[in-house]
């Protein structure tokens, strides 16, 4: 009997161990690997860190063509192209990328620890802009009385292709989004229906390049520009005094005593007020506001 207890005990222990080992192994299994990113800018960053400048340049240029970058990612993309191209001795590509970087961010700097040969195209790009009297910039002005948003651009490189404007009246509903192609004229007018009588007008302005990357972002749907407005003031009434029939004839001989004088004067004053209102509509106070980006 004692001789049979040991095999039974060993069999029980082995069975128990067979249950414990898989559970322990399962608990110690590593987490499944994260999904590999397909974002080309992220992959370009990895290639740059690995000193694979050829791959970094290719991926960064592909990232530009995707047309999905916001302004922050776009400036970083141009910086990566500039550095990688300089390392590959493609100075013209590098210089052009740095010129665009400085157009979007005039205060941009490259790593001071880069070799002088890599910094050369960037210095040339600085010289390009310092020799000019203009720069890249956008100014957006809401003209509520004319129910329009005026967008004026300075774009010496011809980067901009499309203007996107979202507007909303009195915080009601979704933004109305409109697009306008950038043409020869530096000024584009976007209608903002209802702005004349609105209490508030919210809007944002994006300027896109050809592929669709955002060169400029003035506000967005979560944080739009807001203008507190209100219906325009009504013109003051002009009272024309009636002639007193009891007045003596000599009292009504004067120019200022004549009702005709006051009628004519009133017409002239109203006309002058309308003329001044039209001339000042683009710069009148109240519901007119201007926001800007860059050099104008």
Protein backbone atom coordinates (compact mmCIF):
# COMPACT_ATOMS: atom_id res chain seq x y z
CA UNK A 1 0.00 0.00 0.00
CA UNK A 2 2.70 2.56 0.81
CA UNK A 3 4.43 1.57 -2.43
CA UNK A 4 1.36 2.62 -4.47
CA UNK A 5 0.97 6.02 -2.73
CA UNK A 6 4.11 7.49 -4.32
CA UNK A 7 3.04 6.97 -7.97
CA UNK A 8 -0.41 8.40 -7.20
CA UNK A 9 1.13 11.39 -5.47
CA UNK A 10 3.56 12.00 -8.35
CA UNK A 11 0.77 11.70 -10.91
CA UNK A 12 -1.32 14.23 -9.00
CA UNK A 13 1.62 16.64 -8.78
CA UNK A 14 2.32 16.33 -12.49
CA UNK A 15 -1.32 16.97 -13.32
CA UNK A 16 -1.38 20.03 -11.08
CA UNK A 17 1.86 21.30 -12.64
CA UNK A 18 0.41 20.88 -16.13
CA UNK A 19 -2.39 23.25 -15.16
CA UNK A 20 -0.15 25.86 -13.54
CA UNK A 21 2.56 26.10 -16.23
CA UNK A 22 0.27 27.17 -19.12
CA UNK A 23 -1.41 29.78 -16.92
CA UNK A 24 1.96 31.15 -15.84
CA UNK A 25 3.26 31.16 -19.38
CA UNK A 26 0.13 32.95 -20.55
CA UNK A 27 0.54 35.59 -17.88
CA UNK A 28 4.12 36.21 -18.98
CA UNK A 29 3.40 36.41 -22.72
CA UNK A 30 4.45 39.81 -24.10
CA UNK A 31 1.79 42.21 -25.33
CA UNK A 32 1.11 42.04 -29.06
CA UNK A 33 3.28 44.48 -31.00
CA UNK A 34 1.82 47.90 -31.76
CA UNK A 35 0.48 48.38 -35.25
CA UNK A 36 3.19 49.69 -37.55
CA UNK A 37 2.63 53.32 -38.44
CA UNK A 38 2.13 54.35 -42.04
CA UNK A 39 2.54 58.05 -41.32
CA UNK A 40 5.33 59.10 -43.64
CA UNK A 41 6.50 62.00 -41.50
CA UNK A 42 6.93 59.67 -38.52
CA UNK A 43 8.81 57.19 -40.69
CA UNK A 44 10.96 60.02 -42.05
CA UNK A 45 11.84 61.02 -38.49
CA UNK A 46 12.90 57.45 -37.73
CA UNK A 47 15.05 57.28 -40.84
CA UNK A 48 16.64 60.62 -39.95
CA UNK A 49 17.47 59.37 -36.45
CA UNK A 50 19.03 56.29 -38.06
CA UNK A 51 21.17 58.58 -40.26
CA UNK A 52 19.44 57.17 -43.35
CA UNK A 53 19.15 60.50 -45.14
CA UNK A 54 18.09 59.07 -48.49
CA UNK A 55 15.07 57.33 -46.97
CA UNK A 56 14.30 60.33 -44.77
CA UNK A 57 14.27 62.63 -47.79
CA UNK A 58 12.06 60.32 -49.84
CA UNK A 59 9.54 59.84 -47.04
CA UNK A 60 9.41 63.55 -46.20
CA UNK A 61 8.74 64.45 -49.83
CA UNK A 62 6.01 61.81 -49.97
CA UNK A 63 4.53 63.32 -46.81
CA UNK A 64 4.23 66.66 -48.61
CA UNK A 65 2.42 65.02 -51.52
CA UNK A 66 -0.16 63.44 -49.19
CA UNK A 67 -1.53 66.91 -48.41
CA UNK A 68 -2.69 66.14 -44.87
CA UNK A 69 -0.18 68.12 -42.80
CA UNK A 70 -1.13 70.93 -40.48
CA UNK A 71 1.19 73.91 -40.21
CA UNK A 72 3.32 72.42 -37.41
CA UNK A 73 3.93 69.17 -39.28
CA UNK A 74 4.46 71.04 -42.53
CA UNK A 75 7.26 73.19 -41.15
CA UNK A 76 8.93 70.11 -39.64
CA UNK A 77 8.66 68.35 -43.01
CA UNK A 78 10.44 71.21 -44.77
CA UNK A 79 13.13 71.16 -42.08
CA UNK A 80 13.72 67.42 -42.55
CA UNK A 81 13.90 67.83 -46.33
CA UNK A 82 16.37 70.68 -45.94
CA UNK A 83 18.73 68.79 -43.63
CA UNK A 84 18.51 65.43 -45.43
CA UNK A 85 19.06 67.02 -48.85
CA UNK A 86 22.05 68.99 -47.54
CA UNK A 87 23.58 65.78 -46.17
CA UNK A 88 23.17 64.25 -49.63
CA UNK A 89 24.79 67.32 -51.25
CA UNK A 90 21.56 68.31 -52.99
CA UNK A 91 21.99 71.94 -52.12
CA UNK A 92 19.28 73.40 -54.35
CA UNK A 93 16.63 71.06 -52.93
CA UNK A 94 17.84 71.87 -49.45
CA UNK A 95 17.86 75.64 -50.00
CA UNK A 96 14.34 75.64 -51.49
CA UNK A 97 13.01 73.65 -48.55
CA UNK A 98 14.59 76.05 -46.07
CA UNK A 99 13.18 79.05 -47.98
CA UNK A 100 9.69 77.59 -47.56
CA UNK A 101 10.36 76.79 -43.92
CA UNK A 102 11.32 80.42 -43.25
CA UNK A 103 8.29 81.67 -45.20
CA UNK A 104 6.02 79.83 -42.77
CA UNK A 105 8.16 80.45 -39.70
CA UNK A 106 10.59 83.40 -40.03
CA UNK A 107 12.03 82.59 -36.58
CA UNK A 108 12.97 79.01 -37.45
CA UNK A 109 16.47 77.78 -36.65
CA UNK A 110 18.31 74.56 -37.39
CA UNK A 111 20.38 72.61 -34.90
CA UNK A 112 23.53 74.58 -34.13
CA UNK A 113 25.46 71.30 -33.82
CA UNK A 114 25.01 70.48 -37.49
CA UNK A 115 28.14 70.53 -39.60
CA UNK A 116 28.76 73.80 -41.50
CA UNK A 117 28.14 72.00 -44.80
CA UNK A 118 24.65 71.06 -43.61
CA UNK A 119 23.93 74.59 -42.39
CA UNK A 120 25.07 76.27 -45.62
CA UNK A 121 21.76 76.04 -47.53
CA UNK A 122 19.90 77.32 -44.48
CA UNK A 123 22.17 80.39 -44.31
CA UNK A 124 21.52 80.97 -48.01
CA UNK A 125 17.77 80.79 -47.34
CA UNK A 126 18.15 83.42 -44.63
CA UNK A 127 19.91 85.61 -47.16
CA UNK A 128 17.12 85.11 -49.67
CA UNK A 129 14.54 86.58 -47.31
CA UNK A 130 16.76 89.31 -45.87
CA UNK A 131 17.28 90.68 -49.38
CA UNK A 132 13.53 91.02 -50.00
CA UNK A 133 11.08 93.60 -48.76
CA UNK A 134 8.13 91.23 -48.63
CA UNK A 135 7.25 87.93 -47.05
CA UNK A 136 4.51 85.36 -46.72
CA UNK A 137 1.47 86.60 -44.83
CA UNK A 138 -2.31 86.58 -44.62
CA UNK A 139 -4.76 89.15 -43.25
CA UNK A 140 -8.43 88.33 -42.67
CA UNK A 141 -10.90 91.15 -42.05
CA UNK A 142 -14.57 90.61 -41.25
CA UNK A 143 -16.71 93.31 -42.89
CA UNK A 144 -19.98 92.61 -41.13
CA UNK A 145 -21.92 95.48 -42.65
CA UNK A 146 -21.07 94.19 -46.10
CA UNK A 147 -21.48 90.55 -44.96
CA UNK A 148 -18.12 89.55 -46.31
CA UNK A 149 -14.78 88.29 -45.07
CA UNK A 150 -11.86 89.90 -46.87
CA UNK A 151 -8.71 87.76 -47.11
CA UNK A 152 -5.59 89.57 -48.33
CA UNK A 153 -2.40 87.64 -49.03
CA UNK A 154 1.27 88.24 -49.61
CA UNK A 155 2.67 85.12 -51.26
CA UNK A 156 5.90 85.81 -53.17
CA UNK A 157 6.63 82.08 -53.56
CA UNK A 158 3.19 81.20 -54.90
CA UNK A 159 2.64 78.56 -52.22
CA UNK A 160 -1.08 79.13 -51.66
CA UNK A 161 -3.67 77.40 -53.80
CA UNK A 162 -6.93 77.40 -51.82
CA UNK A 163 -8.54 79.45 -49.06
CA UNK A 164 -10.94 77.64 -46.72
CA UNK A 165 -13.29 79.74 -44.57
CA UNK A 166 -15.69 78.43 -41.94
CA UNK A 167 -18.25 80.86 -40.51
CA UNK A 168 -21.12 80.67 -38.05
CA UNK A 169 -23.69 83.27 -36.98
CA UNK A 170 -24.70 83.64 -33.31
CA UNK A 171 -23.22 80.25 -32.33
CA UNK A 172 -26.01 78.39 -34.10
CA UNK A 173 -25.43 75.04 -35.74
CA UNK A 174 -22.40 73.88 -37.68
CA UNK A 175 -19.93 76.09 -39.48
CA UNK A 176 -20.66 76.92 -43.08
CA UNK A 177 -17.47 75.99 -44.94
CA UNK A 178 -16.57 77.69 -48.21
CA UNK A 179 -13.55 77.31 -50.45
CA UNK A 180 -12.04 79.79 -52.88
CA UNK A 181 -9.20 79.27 -55.29
CA UNK A 182 -6.30 81.70 -55.03
CA UNK A 183 -5.95 83.56 -58.29
CA UNK A 184 -3.91 86.54 -59.48
CA UNK A 185 -5.60 89.04 -57.18
CA UNK A 186 -4.08 89.20 -53.68
CA UNK A 187 -7.54 89.80 -52.17
CA UNK A 188 -10.44 87.35 -51.98
CA UNK A 189 -13.91 88.11 -50.62
CA UNK A 190 -15.94 85.34 -48.96
CA UNK A 191 -19.66 85.96 -48.29
CA UNK A 192 -20.81 85.68 -44.65
CA UNK A 193 -24.60 85.76 -44.89
CA UNK A 194 -26.36 87.23 -41.87
CA UNK A 195 -23.31 89.02 -40.45
CA UNK A 196 -24.98 92.43 -40.72
CA UNK A 197 -27.63 91.70 -38.07
CA UNK A 198 -25.72 89.11 -36.02
CA UNK A 199 -24.82 89.48 -32.36
CA UNK A 200 -21.66 87.41 -32.84
CA UNK A 201 -19.80 86.06 -35.84
CA UNK A 202 -17.36 83.16 -35.51
CA UNK A 203 -14.98 82.23 -38.29
CA UNK A 204 -11.71 80.54 -39.15
CA UNK A 205 -9.43 80.83 -42.15
CA UNK A 206 -7.07 78.19 -43.54
CA UNK A 207 -4.75 78.65 -46.49
CA UNK A 208 -3.80 75.42 -48.27
CA UNK A 209 -1.03 74.60 -50.71
CA UNK A 210 -1.58 72.59 -53.88
CA UNK A 211 -1.71 69.12 -52.25
CA UNK A 212 -3.85 70.42 -49.37
CA UNK A 213 -1.35 71.02 -46.55
CA UNK A 214 -2.22 73.92 -44.24
CA UNK A 215 0.10 76.86 -44.74
CA UNK A 216 -1.89 79.13 -42.42
CA UNK A 217 -4.38 78.37 -39.68
CA UNK A 218 -6.27 81.33 -38.24
CA UNK A 219 -8.59 79.62 -35.80
CA UNK A 220 -10.48 76.35 -36.20
CA UNK A 221 -13.89 74.92 -35.36
CA UNK A 222 -12.90 74.32 -31.73
CA UNK A 223 -11.25 77.73 -31.25
CA UNK A 224 -12.62 80.11 -33.87
CA UNK A 225 -12.07 83.83 -34.13
CA UNK A 226 -15.09 85.60 -32.63
CA UNK A 227 -16.41 89.09 -33.28
CA UNK A 228 -19.06 90.61 -31.05
CA UNK A 229 -21.39 92.58 -33.24
CA UNK A 230 -24.92 93.92 -33.28
CA UNK A 231 -27.38 95.49 -35.65
CA UNK A 232 -26.02 98.76 -37.08
CA UNK A 233 -27.24 101.94 -35.44
CA UNK A 234 -30.10 103.69 -37.18
CA UNK A 235 -29.37 107.17 -38.55
CA UNK A 236 -30.62 110.00 -36.38
CA UNK A 237 -33.87 111.60 -37.50
CA UNK A 238 -33.69 115.11 -38.89
CA UNK A 239 -36.56 117.31 -37.72
CA UNK A 240 -37.81 120.00 -40.07
CA UNK A 241 -39.49 122.84 -38.16
CA UNK A 242 -42.88 123.87 -39.38
CA UNK A 243 -43.49 127.48 -40.36
CA UNK A 244 -45.46 129.51 -37.85
CA UNK A 245 -48.46 130.95 -39.73
CA UNK A 246 -48.77 133.69 -37.10
CA UNK A 247 -45.29 135.02 -37.75
CA UNK A 248 -45.03 138.40 -39.37
CA UNK A 249 -43.86 138.45 -43.01
CA UNK A 250 -40.60 140.14 -42.07
CA UNK A 251 -39.85 137.30 -39.56
CA UNK A 252 -39.94 134.72 -42.34
CA UNK A 253 -37.80 136.54 -44.85
CA UNK A 254 -34.51 135.13 -43.44
CA UNK A 255 -32.85 132.10 -45.00
CA UNK A 256 -32.82 130.09 -41.76
CA UNK A 257 -36.49 130.77 -41.16
CA UNK A 258 -37.49 129.16 -44.45
CA UNK A 259 -38.86 125.59 -44.28
CA UNK A 260 -37.39 124.98 -47.73
CA UNK A 261 -33.90 125.62 -46.33
CA UNK A 262 -34.36 122.97 -43.66
CA UNK A 263 -35.73 120.43 -46.15
CA UNK A 264 -32.76 120.94 -48.48
CA UNK A 265 -30.31 120.87 -45.57
CA UNK A 266 -31.82 117.64 -44.30
CA UNK A 267 -31.50 115.95 -47.70
CA UNK A 268 -27.87 117.04 -47.97
CA UNK A 269 -27.04 115.77 -44.48
CA UNK A 270 -28.68 112.39 -45.11
CA UNK A 271 -26.84 112.08 -48.42
CA UNK A 272 -23.54 112.92 -46.78
CA UNK A 273 -24.18 110.34 -44.11
CA UNK A 274 -24.84 107.63 -46.69
CA UNK A 275 -21.68 108.55 -48.60
CA UNK A 276 -19.52 108.46 -45.48
CA UNK A 277 -21.08 105.13 -44.47
CA UNK A 278 -20.20 103.53 -47.81
CA UNK A 279 -16.64 104.85 -47.80
CA UNK A 280 -16.02 103.75 -44.23
CA UNK A 281 -17.77 100.37 -44.43
CA UNK A 282 -14.51 98.44 -44.70
CA UNK A 283 -12.96 100.07 -41.66
CA UNK A 284 -15.90 101.03 -39.44
CA UNK A 285 -15.86 100.06 -35.79
CA UNK A 286 -18.26 97.63 -34.18
CA UNK A 287 -18.51 94.37 -36.08
CA UNK A 288 -15.33 94.82 -38.12
CA UNK A 289 -12.24 92.92 -36.94
CA UNK A 290 -8.89 91.92 -38.42
CA UNK A 291 -6.67 88.92 -37.72
CA UNK A 292 -3.38 88.23 -39.42
CA UNK A 293 -0.51 85.80 -39.84
CA UNK A 294 3.05 86.43 -41.00
CA UNK A 295 4.46 89.34 -42.92
CA UNK A 296 2.08 91.64 -44.80
